[in-house]
Every structure is written in structure tokens, then in C-alpha cells.
Amino acid sequence: MVKCEFCGAEVSRGALACPACGAPISKKALEALEAEEKTAPEAEIPVPVETRGISEEPVPSAVPPLENQQIGLQSETPGVLSPEEAGLTGGYKEGYPSFSVGGAGEQTTDDPFGLSISEETPRIVEAEEEGFDFHKVWNIIVTIFTVIIAGAIIAFAVYFGFLREKGPSKSAPAQAVHTLCMSVVSGNSTKVSETSVPNSATVAALQNIIDSLSQSGMVTVKKLRVKTENLSETKATARIEEFSVAVTSPGGEQKVTDILNLEFPNTVELIYQGGKWIVVS
């Protein structure tokens, strides 16, 4: 009997496949069976011993006589036929072309039925679909846009970091005038002295207007917009485009006054001194 390598069931030596799981009987299993039969000790046949005074009847042999045995390959498993019983005359033969049995493998001398099965899983190659591939086109577009944006960022950084001429900020003089006007209206004399020279005509004119309006109530800035017109390393000119204040009376009434409609110069001269812009007009 041959033991199936897959399920362990005992299979007749002449069977091509296991009746339990259907797995083919490999040459390796047959060789293992032959090696086991060669190494197994032969059965000892008892020999009748002549004795005197004892029954002369021969001792029955443990091995049945050959004439009582059926010679030939027969299936030892009920329901499984040997190749001769099933009428199978195929397989590998010397001198004849080799064929593949059911696609299992090529018939050779060592494997007459082509039952050698490879354990390697065949590589599945997916057929490439022909036609328009949206994902490839989308990846190309995204890559192009990424390169363009990265190039723009690098160019911007190089220009403003190295190529652009460094100089005074154009918004700094206008900011200095804005700070001065807010300080005069709020009465912050310390800030006024930091942003203007002593005896500045602009400061004096604005201070007179605020003092006059303060007699009617509290004065606050309503709108103020200043723009730098001319700029150099040490000098600048700023123009006050919009300047209005709100006067709130003790009764809660509020009146808006446009400073530019009064006697107040809307053009202011500045100089760069001590690391800051100062009003000189």
C-alpha cells in the first residue's frame, strides 16, 4: 500500500490517484515504498520437523502456496481499479513522442504519466488595457503644476532676498505722519516730540485746530489716510489724503469735522534721522 502525501490515506500501489482526495500518486511515494520493501525482513516460513512418536501430519505453512494466489496487479482498496483492470494502456513509452496528460506535465521516463506538479504559483501577468489612461495624464498635469509653483516660489525668494535693491520702506514716512496726527489729537506730547522736530509748523497748525474743537467736547480721530509721494535715502514727502475728527459734546451729540477744509497743510516734509522718520515741516 502507498500512503497519500496529501491526505495520508492508504492507496493501492497500482492506483494513479488517491481515491480519498484525488491527488496523483507521485514517483517519490512509489520509490519510498520500494525502499521500505527492500529493507523489510523476509517472513520466516516454519519448516516441518520430523519427530518420532509424534503425529506425522505436516505443519501448515504461514505463507499460502503460490498456486492459490492470483498473480497480477489488483486493487487492494474496494472500488479502486488497477491500470490493467481499468484498461489503461497509455503513459510514457520508449520511442514514442512525449505528450502532456491533462496539462499536468510532460511525460518522461521518470514520470510516465506526467504527474509532476510544480509547487510554484504561476505569475499572473495582467494585460495592459489600450486606450486613454486618465491616471497617467492626471499625474503628469499635477507634476507640471508642482514644478511651476516651486519655480515661482524660488524666483520670488531670490528676487526679494538678493536681487531687489534694498532701501527705505515707502510706507514708513506715511506711517510716521499718521502716528504724529494721532498723537496730537490724543494729546500724547511724548510721542509728538519723538516724531517731529521742535517748532514744527504742521504740529502747531494741527494743535491749534484741536484746541479750538476741544472747547465743544471731546475730539477723536474719525478718518485718517496718508500716502508717501517722494522718497529718497534721507528725505521724503507725504500727503494727507483724508483727515476728519469727531467732536462729542457733553450731551452726547457728535459732530464730524474735516481737518483738510480748515487751515491745515496736507503736504508734510520728513527726514530720516536716528533710524526713524521725523516731520520737519
C-alpha atoms as a PDB file:
ATOM      1  CA  MET A   1       0.000   0.000   0.000  1.00  0.00           C
ATOM      2  CA  VAL A   2       1.125   3.534  -0.795  1.00  0.00           C
ATOM      3  CA  LYS A   3       0.363   6.371   1.619  1.00  0.00           C
ATOM      4  CA  CYS A   4      -1.020   9.547   0.003  1.00  0.00           C
ATOM      5  CA  GLU A   5       1.308  12.532   0.519  1.00  0.00           C
ATOM      6  CA  PHE A   6      -1.602  14.965   0.803  1.00  0.00           C
ATOM      7  CA  CYS A   7      -4.272  13.340   2.977  1.00  0.00           C
ATOM      8  CA  GLY A   8      -2.406  10.316   4.384  1.00  0.00           C
ATOM      9  CA  ALA A   9      -4.896   7.730   3.125  1.00  0.00           C
ATOM     10  CA  GLU A  10      -3.636   4.324   2.057  1.00  0.00           C
ATOM     11  CA  VAL A  11      -3.800   3.798  -1.704  1.00  0.00           C
ATOM     12  CA  SER A  12      -3.284   0.702  -3.800  1.00  0.00           C
ATOM     13  CA  ARG A  13       0.147   0.514  -5.372  1.00  0.00           C
ATOM     14  CA  GLY A  14      -1.268   0.364  -8.869  1.00  0.00           C
ATOM     15  CA  ALA A  15      -3.644   3.328  -8.447  1.00  0.00           C
ATOM     16  CA  LEU A  16      -2.913   6.557 -10.336  1.00  0.00           C
ATOM     17  CA  ALA A  17      -4.598   8.863  -7.819  1.00  0.00           C
ATOM     18  CA  CYS A  18      -5.826   8.850  -4.224  1.00  0.00           C
ATOM     19  CA  PRO A  19      -9.480   7.771  -4.008  1.00  0.00           C
ATOM     20  CA  ALA A  20      -9.961   9.998  -0.936  1.00  0.00           C
ATOM     21  CA  CYS A  21      -8.653  13.380  -2.125  1.00  0.00           C
ATOM     22  CA  GLY A  22      -7.946  12.770  -5.826  1.00  0.00           C
ATOM     23  CA  ALA A  23      -4.267  13.748  -5.547  1.00  0.00           C
ATOM     24  CA  PRO A  24      -1.959  11.935  -8.045  1.00  0.00           C
ATOM     25  CA  ILE A  25       0.431   9.324  -6.691  1.00  0.00           C
ATOM     26  CA  SER A  26       3.945  10.679  -7.244  1.00  0.00           C
ATOM     27  CA  LYS A  27       7.062   8.768  -8.148  1.00  0.00           C
ATOM     28  CA  LYS A  28       8.572   9.785  -4.815  1.00  0.00           C
ATOM     29  CA  ALA A  29       5.916   7.839  -2.894  1.00  0.00           C
ATOM     30  CA  LEU A  30       6.445   4.746  -5.052  1.00  0.00           C
ATOM     31  CA  GLU A  31      10.220   4.909  -4.551  1.00  0.00           C
ATOM     32  CA  ALA A  32       9.724   5.233  -0.777  1.00  0.00           C
ATOM     33  CA  LEU A  33       7.508   2.108  -0.827  1.00  0.00           C
ATOM     34  CA  GLU A  34      10.072   0.112  -2.841  1.00  0.00           C
ATOM     35  CA  ALA A  35      12.862   1.141  -0.456  1.00  0.00           C
ATOM     36  CA  GLU A  36      10.747   0.066   2.505  1.00  0.00           C
ATOM     37  CA  GLU A  37      10.045  -3.329   0.905  1.00  0.00           C
ATOM     38  CA  LYS A  38      13.747  -3.894   0.225  1.00  0.00           C
ATOM     39  CA  THR A  39      14.774  -3.107   3.783  1.00  0.00           C
ATOM     40  CA  ALA A  40      11.920  -5.105   5.427  1.00  0.00           C
ATOM     41  CA  PRO A  41      12.994  -8.560   6.724  1.00  0.00           C
ATOM     42  CA  GLU A  42      11.648 -11.569   4.875  1.00  0.00           C
ATOM     43  CA  ALA A  43       8.986 -13.570   6.623  1.00  0.00           C
ATOM     44  CA  GLU A  44      10.278 -16.793   8.084  1.00  0.00           C
ATOM     45  CA  ILE A  45       8.494 -19.921   6.893  1.00  0.00           C
ATOM     46  CA  PRO A  46       8.348 -22.589   9.524  1.00  0.00           C
ATOM     47  CA  VAL A  47       9.884 -25.896   8.382  1.00  0.00           C
ATOM     48  CA  PRO A  48       8.192 -29.092   9.460  1.00  0.00           C
ATOM     49  CA  VAL A  49      10.368 -31.104  11.820  1.00  0.00           C
ATOM     50  CA  GLU A  50      10.365 -34.869  11.724  1.00  0.00           C
ATOM     51  CA  THR A  51       9.614 -36.276  15.085  1.00  0.00           C
ATOM     52  CA  ARG A  52       9.250 -39.790  16.277  1.00  0.00           C
ATOM     53  CA  GLY A  53       6.278 -40.687  18.273  1.00  0.00           C
ATOM     54  CA  ILE A  54       4.515 -37.505  17.295  1.00  0.00           C
ATOM     55  CA  SER A  55       1.911 -37.003  14.612  1.00  0.00           C
ATOM     56  CA  GLU A  56       3.329 -37.271  11.122  1.00  0.00           C
ATOM     57  CA  GLU A  57       0.999 -34.547   9.775  1.00  0.00           C
ATOM     58  CA  PRO A  58       2.880 -31.624   8.192  1.00  0.00           C
ATOM     59  CA  VAL A  59       2.786 -28.230   9.882  1.00  0.00           C
ATOM     60  CA  PRO A  60       0.757 -25.802   7.805  1.00  0.00           C
ATOM     61  CA  SER A  61       2.793 -23.030   6.174  1.00  0.00           C
ATOM     62  CA  ALA A  62       2.165 -19.378   7.155  1.00  0.00           C
ATOM     63  CA  VAL A  63       2.522 -18.381   3.521  1.00  0.00           C
ATOM     64  CA  PRO A  64      -0.145 -19.686   1.182  1.00  0.00           C
ATOM     65  CA  PRO A  65       1.079 -21.623  -1.826  1.00  0.00           C
ATOM     66  CA  LEU A  66       1.665 -19.592  -4.994  1.00  0.00           C
ATOM     67  CA  GLU A  67      -0.811 -21.632  -6.955  1.00  0.00           C
ATOM     68  CA  ASN A  68      -3.563 -20.380  -4.651  1.00  0.00           C
ATOM     69  CA  GLN A  69      -2.590 -16.673  -5.171  1.00  0.00           C
ATOM     70  CA  GLN A  70      -3.813 -14.580  -8.041  1.00  0.00           C
ATOM     71  CA  ILE A  71      -0.821 -13.175  -9.904  1.00  0.00           C
ATOM     72  CA  GLY A  72      -1.107  -9.630 -11.235  1.00  0.00           C
ATOM     73  CA  LEU A  73      -1.725  -6.110 -10.032  1.00  0.00           C
ATOM     74  CA  GLN A  74      -5.023  -5.906  -8.302  1.00  0.00           C
ATOM     75  CA  SER A  75      -6.557  -3.105  -6.283  1.00  0.00           C
ATOM     76  CA  GLU A  76      -6.431  -3.734  -2.541  1.00  0.00           C
ATOM     77  CA  THR A  77      -8.935  -0.927  -1.940  1.00  0.00           C
ATOM     78  CA  PRO A  78     -12.547  -1.717  -2.763  1.00  0.00           C
ATOM     79  CA  GLY A  79     -13.839   0.367  -5.628  1.00  0.00           C
ATOM     80  CA  VAL A  80     -10.376   1.324  -6.976  1.00  0.00           C
ATOM     81  CA  LEU A  81      -9.145  -0.466 -10.104  1.00  0.00           C
ATOM     82  CA  SER A  82      -5.576  -1.036 -11.132  1.00  0.00           C
ATOM     83  CA  PRO A  83      -4.385   0.308 -14.512  1.00  0.00           C
ATOM     84  CA  GLU A  84      -4.693  -3.179 -16.057  1.00  0.00           C
ATOM     85  CA  GLU A  85      -8.190  -3.653 -14.621  1.00  0.00           C
ATOM     86  CA  ALA A  86      -9.299  -0.232 -15.848  1.00  0.00           C
ATOM     87  CA  GLY A  87      -7.915  -0.915 -19.304  1.00  0.00           C
ATOM     88  CA  LEU A  88      -5.419   1.958 -19.165  1.00  0.00           C
ATOM     89  CA  THR A  89      -2.729   1.319 -21.728  1.00  0.00           C
ATOM     90  CA  GLY A  90      -1.462   4.934 -22.043  1.00  0.00           C
ATOM     91  CA  GLY A  91       1.532   6.556 -20.379  1.00  0.00           C
ATOM     92  CA  TYR A  92       5.085   7.031 -21.467  1.00  0.00           C
ATOM     93  CA  LYS A  93       6.606   4.557 -23.910  1.00  0.00           C
ATOM     94  CA  GLU A  94      10.087   4.470 -25.336  1.00  0.00           C
ATOM     95  CA  GLY A  95      10.292   5.547 -28.949  1.00  0.00           C
ATOM     96  CA  TYR A  96       7.016   7.453 -28.927  1.00  0.00           C
ATOM     97  CA  PRO A  97       6.606  11.257 -28.774  1.00  0.00           C
ATOM     98  CA  SER A  98       6.028  12.764 -25.284  1.00  0.00           C
ATOM     99  CA  PHE A  99       2.656  14.278 -24.509  1.00  0.00           C
ATOM    100  CA  SER A 100       1.098  16.142 -21.608  1.00  0.00           C
ATOM    101  CA  VAL A 101      -1.611  14.310 -19.703  1.00  0.00           C
ATOM    102  CA  GLY A 102      -4.405  16.759 -18.956  1.00  0.00           C
ATOM    103  CA  GLY A 103      -1.921  19.609 -18.806  1.00  0.00           C
ATOM    104  CA  ALA A 104      -0.330  18.201 -15.617  1.00  0.00           C
ATOM    105  CA  GLY A 105       3.180  17.879 -17.014  1.00  0.00           C
ATOM    106  CA  GLU A 106       5.398  16.367 -19.684  1.00  0.00           C
ATOM    107  CA  GLN A 107       5.702  12.600 -19.888  1.00  0.00           C
ATOM    108  CA  THR A 108       9.216  11.334 -19.267  1.00  0.00           C
ATOM    109  CA  THR A 109      10.854   8.025 -18.316  1.00  0.00           C
ATOM    110  CA  ASP A 110      10.856   9.017 -14.643  1.00  0.00           C
ATOM    111  CA  ASP A 111       7.312  10.396 -14.839  1.00  0.00           C
ATOM    112  CA  PRO A 112       5.405   8.304 -17.417  1.00  0.00           C
ATOM    113  CA  PHE A 113       2.034   9.848 -16.617  1.00  0.00           C
ATOM    114  CA  GLY A 114       3.210  13.470 -16.436  1.00  0.00           C
ATOM    115  CA  LEU A 115       2.077  13.867 -12.839  1.00  0.00           C
ATOM    116  CA  SER A 116       4.909  16.100 -11.638  1.00  0.00           C
ATOM    117  CA  ILE A 117       3.227  19.229 -10.324  1.00  0.00           C
ATOM    118  CA  SER A 118       5.209  22.394  -9.646  1.00  0.00           C
ATOM    119  CA  GLU A 119       4.668  23.966  -6.233  1.00  0.00           C
ATOM    120  CA  GLU A 120       5.473  27.442  -7.569  1.00  0.00           C
ATOM    121  CA  THR A 121       2.460  29.633  -8.199  1.00  0.00           C
ATOM    122  CA  PRO A 122       2.437  30.775 -11.821  1.00  0.00           C
ATOM    123  CA  ARG A 123       2.933  34.509 -12.221  1.00  0.00           C
ATOM    124  CA  ILE A 124      -0.198  36.218 -13.437  1.00  0.00           C
ATOM    125  CA  VAL A 125       0.510  38.936 -15.952  1.00  0.00           C
ATOM    126  CA  GLU A 126      -2.346  41.375 -16.354  1.00  0.00           C
ATOM    127  CA  ALA A 127      -2.928  42.511 -19.861  1.00  0.00           C
ATOM    128  CA  GLU A 128      -2.418  46.231 -20.296  1.00  0.00           C
ATOM    129  CA  GLU A 129      -5.510  47.987 -21.439  1.00  0.00           C
ATOM    130  CA  GLU A 130      -5.047  50.022 -24.527  1.00  0.00           C
ATOM    131  CA  GLY A 131      -6.519  53.470 -24.795  1.00  0.00           C
ATOM    132  CA  PHE A 132      -6.647  56.668 -22.766  1.00  0.00           C
ATOM    133  CA  ASP A 133      -5.172  56.386 -19.249  1.00  0.00           C
ATOM    134  CA  PHE A 134      -6.666  59.159 -17.121  1.00  0.00           C
ATOM    135  CA  HIS A 135      -4.432  58.482 -14.106  1.00  0.00           C
ATOM    136  CA  LYS A 136      -1.205  58.856 -16.081  1.00  0.00           C
ATOM    137  CA  VAL A 137      -2.361  62.123 -17.649  1.00  0.00           C
ATOM    138  CA  TRP A 138      -3.513  63.448 -14.267  1.00  0.00           C
ATOM    139  CA  ASN A 139      -0.154  62.604 -12.685  1.00  0.00           C
ATOM    140  CA  ILE A 140       1.667  64.428 -15.478  1.00  0.00           C
ATOM    141  CA  ILE A 141      -0.521  67.536 -15.040  1.00  0.00           C
ATOM    142  CA  VAL A 142      -0.017  67.572 -11.261  1.00  0.00           C
ATOM    143  CA  THR A 143       3.748  67.206 -11.720  1.00  0.00           C
ATOM    144  CA  ILE A 144       3.879  70.121 -14.184  1.00  0.00           C
ATOM    145  CA  PHE A 145       1.892  72.421 -11.880  1.00  0.00           C
ATOM    146  CA  THR A 146       4.061  71.417  -8.914  1.00  0.00           C
ATOM    147  CA  VAL A 147       7.224  72.301 -10.826  1.00  0.00           C
ATOM    148  CA  ILE A 148       5.763  75.660 -11.917  1.00  0.00           C
ATOM    149  CA  ILE A 149       4.679  76.611  -8.383  1.00  0.00           C
ATOM    150  CA  ALA A 150       8.028  75.548  -6.919  1.00  0.00           C
ATOM    151  CA  GLY A 151       9.871  77.591  -9.555  1.00  0.00           C
ATOM    152  CA  ALA A 152       7.730  80.666  -8.827  1.00  0.00           C
ATOM    153  CA  ILE A 153       8.408  80.401  -5.092  1.00  0.00           C
ATOM    154  CA  ILE A 154      12.155  80.075  -5.683  1.00  0.00           C
ATOM    155  CA  ALA A 155      12.181  83.059  -8.077  1.00  0.00           C
ATOM    156  CA  PHE A 156      10.190  85.165  -5.592  1.00  0.00           C
ATOM    157  CA  ALA A 157      12.596  84.307  -2.776  1.00  0.00           C
ATOM    158  CA  VAL A 158      15.674  85.039  -4.915  1.00  0.00           C
ATOM    159  CA  TYR A 159      14.319  88.396  -6.086  1.00  0.00           C
ATOM    160  CA  PHE A 160      13.250  89.724  -2.707  1.00  0.00           C
ATOM    161  CA  GLY A 161      16.179  88.142  -0.908  1.00  0.00           C
ATOM    162  CA  PHE A 162      19.077  89.012  -3.211  1.00  0.00           C
ATOM    163  CA  LEU A 163      18.181  90.878  -6.416  1.00  0.00           C
ATOM    164  CA  ARG A 164      15.852  93.575  -5.130  1.00  0.00           C
ATOM    165  CA  GLU A 165      17.568  96.810  -4.216  1.00  0.00           C
ATOM    166  CA  LYS A 166      17.313  97.378  -0.516  1.00  0.00           C
ATOM    167  CA  GLY A 167      16.325 100.845   0.675  1.00  0.00           C
ATOM    168  CA  PRO A 168      13.921 102.722   2.952  1.00  0.00           C
ATOM    169  CA  SER A 169      10.377 101.414   3.105  1.00  0.00           C
ATOM    170  CA  LYS A 170       7.912 103.558   1.174  1.00  0.00           C
ATOM    171  CA  SER A 171       5.235 103.137   3.811  1.00  0.00           C
ATOM    172  CA  ALA A 172       7.472 104.285   6.695  1.00  0.00           C
ATOM    173  CA  PRO A 173       7.152 108.087   6.096  1.00  0.00           C
ATOM    174  CA  ALA A 174       3.355 107.862   5.771  1.00  0.00           C
ATOM    175  CA  GLN A 175       3.228 105.812   8.976  1.00  0.00           C
ATOM    176  CA  ALA A 176       5.285 108.474  10.772  1.00  0.00           C
ATOM    177  CA  VAL A 177       2.848 111.227   9.759  1.00  0.00           C
ATOM    178  CA  HIS A 178      -0.110 109.055  10.764  1.00  0.00           C
ATOM    179  CA  THR A 179       1.425 108.490  14.202  1.00  0.00           C
ATOM    180  CA  LEU A 180       2.094 112.222  14.631  1.00  0.00           C
ATOM    181  CA  CYS A 181      -1.504 113.242  13.824  1.00  0.00           C
ATOM    182  CA  MET A 182      -2.953 110.614  16.171  1.00  0.00           C
ATOM    183  CA  SER A 183      -0.603 111.774  18.969  1.00  0.00           C
ATOM    184  CA  VAL A 184      -1.569 115.443  18.549  1.00  0.00           C
ATOM    185  CA  VAL A 185      -5.290 114.647  18.685  1.00  0.00           C
ATOM    186  CA  SER A 186      -4.919 112.377  21.733  1.00  0.00           C
ATOM    187  CA  GLY A 187      -2.591 114.862  23.476  1.00  0.00           C
ATOM    188  CA  ASN A 188       0.417 112.487  23.695  1.00  0.00           C
ATOM    189  CA  SER A 189       3.206 115.081  23.825  1.00  0.00           C
ATOM    190  CA  THR A 190       5.943 112.450  24.290  1.00  0.00           C
ATOM    191  CA  LYS A 191       5.056 110.742  21.009  1.00  0.00           C
ATOM    192  CA  VAL A 192       4.755 114.139  19.282  1.00  0.00           C
ATOM    193  CA  SER A 193       8.296 115.089  20.264  1.00  0.00           C
ATOM    194  CA  GLU A 194       9.621 111.715  19.015  1.00  0.00           C
ATOM    195  CA  THR A 195       8.054 112.066  15.553  1.00  0.00           C
ATOM    196  CA  SER A 196       8.649 115.775  14.824  1.00  0.00           C
ATOM    197  CA  VAL A 197      11.259 118.484  15.248  1.00  0.00           C
ATOM    198  CA  PRO A 198      10.670 121.304  17.737  1.00  0.00           C
ATOM    199  CA  ASN A 199       8.574 124.231  16.433  1.00  0.00           C
ATOM    200  CA  SER A 200       7.144 122.162  13.542  1.00  0.00           C
ATOM    201  CA  ALA A 201       4.597 124.191  11.546  1.00  0.00           C
ATOM    202  CA  THR A 202       2.483 121.101  10.876  1.00  0.00           C
ATOM    203  CA  VAL A 203       2.281 120.252  14.567  1.00  0.00           C
ATOM    204  CA  ALA A 204       1.464 123.836  15.524  1.00  0.00           C
ATOM    205  CA  ALA A 205      -1.322 124.151  12.941  1.00  0.00           C
ATOM    206  CA  LEU A 206      -2.932 120.852  13.954  1.00  0.00           C
ATOM    207  CA  GLN A 207      -2.602 121.652  17.657  1.00  0.00           C
ATOM    208  CA  ASN A 208      -4.448 124.994  17.206  1.00  0.00           C
ATOM    209  CA  ILE A 209      -7.334 123.255  15.398  1.00  0.00           C
ATOM    210  CA  ILE A 210      -7.655 120.534  18.058  1.00  0.00           C
ATOM    211  CA  ASP A 211      -7.570 123.098  20.897  1.00  0.00           C
ATOM    212  CA  SER A 212     -10.380 125.048  19.224  1.00  0.00           C
ATOM    213  CA  LEU A 213     -12.556 121.953  18.699  1.00  0.00           C
ATOM    214  CA  SER A 214     -11.930 120.679  22.236  1.00  0.00           C
ATOM    215  CA  GLN A 215     -13.948 123.604  23.638  1.00  0.00           C
ATOM    216  CA  SER A 216     -17.117 121.975  22.224  1.00  0.00           C
ATOM    217  CA  GLY A 217     -16.367 118.463  23.501  1.00  0.00           C
ATOM    218  CA  MET A 218     -14.040 115.500  23.263  1.00  0.00           C
ATOM    219  CA  VAL A 219     -12.165 115.177  19.962  1.00  0.00           C
ATOM    220  CA  THR A 220     -11.346 111.764  18.417  1.00  0.00           C
ATOM    221  CA  VAL A 221      -9.981 110.769  15.020  1.00  0.00           C
ATOM    222  CA  LYS A 222     -12.696 109.612  12.617  1.00  0.00           C
ATOM    223  CA  LYS A 223     -10.702 109.013   9.417  1.00  0.00           C
ATOM    224  CA  LEU A 224      -7.028 109.393   8.578  1.00  0.00           C
ATOM    225  CA  ARG A 225      -5.248 108.269   5.412  1.00  0.00           C
ATOM    226  CA  VAL A 226      -1.677 109.240   4.497  1.00  0.00           C
ATOM    227  CA  LYS A 227       0.358 108.341   1.397  1.00  0.00           C
ATOM    228  CA  THR A 228       4.090 108.671   0.670  1.00  0.00           C
ATOM    229  CA  GLU A 229       4.765 110.551  -2.566  1.00  0.00           C
ATOM    230  CA  ASN A 230       8.526 111.164  -2.814  1.00  0.00           C
ATOM    231  CA  LEU A 231      11.168 109.026  -1.159  1.00  0.00           C
ATOM    232  CA  SER A 232      14.971 109.047  -1.037  1.00  0.00           C
ATOM    233  CA  GLU A 233      17.593 107.733   1.337  1.00  0.00           C
ATOM    234  CA  THR A 234      17.255 110.691   3.744  1.00  0.00           C
ATOM    235  CA  LYS A 235      14.190 112.708   2.675  1.00  0.00           C
ATOM    236  CA  ALA A 236      10.524 112.024   1.956  1.00  0.00           C
ATOM    237  CA  THR A 237       7.265 113.817   1.239  1.00  0.00           C
ATOM    238  CA  ALA A 238       3.909 112.554   2.477  1.00  0.00           C
ATOM    239  CA  ARG A 239       0.448 113.764   1.566  1.00  0.00           C
ATOM    240  CA  ILE A 240      -2.582 113.576   3.875  1.00  0.00           C
ATOM    241  CA  GLU A 241      -5.417 112.419   1.599  1.00  0.00           C
ATOM    242  CA  GLU A 242      -8.159 112.170   4.240  1.00  0.00           C
ATOM    243  CA  PHE A 243      -8.344 113.531   7.799  1.00  0.00           C
ATOM    244  CA  SER A 244     -11.544 114.035   9.821  1.00  0.00           C
ATOM    245  CA  VAL A 245     -12.302 114.147  13.532  1.00  0.00           C
ATOM    246  CA  ALA A 246     -15.441 113.624  15.593  1.00  0.00           C
ATOM    247  CA  VAL A 247     -16.387 116.094  18.357  1.00  0.00           C
ATOM    248  CA  THR A 248     -18.671 114.648  21.034  1.00  0.00           C
ATOM    249  CA  SER A 249     -20.484 117.237  23.185  1.00  0.00           C
ATOM    250  CA  PRO A 250     -21.209 116.666  26.884  1.00  0.00           C
ATOM    251  CA  GLY A 251     -24.828 115.932  25.910  1.00  0.00           C
ATOM    252  CA  GLY A 252     -23.701 113.043  23.686  1.00  0.00           C
ATOM    253  CA  GLU A 253     -24.155 114.767  20.335  1.00  0.00           C
ATOM    254  CA  GLN A 254     -21.402 114.058  17.823  1.00  0.00           C
ATOM    255  CA  LYS A 255     -20.207 116.322  15.037  1.00  0.00           C
ATOM    256  CA  VAL A 256     -17.674 115.364  12.359  1.00  0.00           C
ATOM    257  CA  THR A 257     -15.179 117.984  11.151  1.00  0.00           C
ATOM    258  CA  ASP A 258     -12.934 117.664   8.084  1.00  0.00           C
ATOM    259  CA  ILE A 259      -9.493 118.970   9.070  1.00  0.00           C
ATOM    260  CA  LEU A 260      -8.416 119.399   5.454  1.00  0.00           C
ATOM    261  CA  ASN A 261     -11.131 122.042   4.954  1.00  0.00           C
ATOM    262  CA  LEU A 262      -9.507 124.134   7.693  1.00  0.00           C
ATOM    263  CA  GLU A 263      -6.164 125.921   7.620  1.00  0.00           C
ATOM    264  CA  PHE A 264      -4.014 122.823   7.743  1.00  0.00           C
ATOM    265  CA  PRO A 265      -1.295 121.852   5.194  1.00  0.00           C
ATOM    266  CA  ASN A 266      -1.883 118.436   3.679  1.00  0.00           C
ATOM    267  CA  THR A 267       1.724 118.050   2.457  1.00  0.00           C
ATOM    268  CA  VAL A 268       4.347 117.090   5.055  1.00  0.00           C
ATOM    269  CA  GLU A 269       8.149 117.020   4.713  1.00  0.00           C
ATOM    270  CA  LEU A 270      10.229 114.420   6.578  1.00  0.00           C
ATOM    271  CA  ILE A 271      13.876 113.499   7.095  1.00  0.00           C
ATOM    272  CA  TYR A 272      15.462 110.174   8.075  1.00  0.00           C
ATOM    273  CA  GLN A 273      17.366 110.674  11.311  1.00  0.00           C
ATOM    274  CA  GLY A 274      18.419 108.314  14.081  1.00  0.00           C
ATOM    275  CA  GLY A 275      16.922 105.293  12.355  1.00  0.00           C
ATOM    276  CA  LYS A 276      13.412 106.826  12.020  1.00  0.00           C
ATOM    277  CA  TRP A 277      11.419 109.364  10.002  1.00  0.00           C
ATOM    278  CA  ILE A 278      10.782 112.771  11.595  1.00  0.00           C
ATOM    279  CA  VAL A 279       8.418 115.529  10.438  1.00  0.00           C
ATOM    280  CA  VAL A 280      10.295 118.781   9.766  1.00  0.00           C
ATOM    281  CA  SER A 281       7.709 120.949   8.009  1.00  0.00           C
END
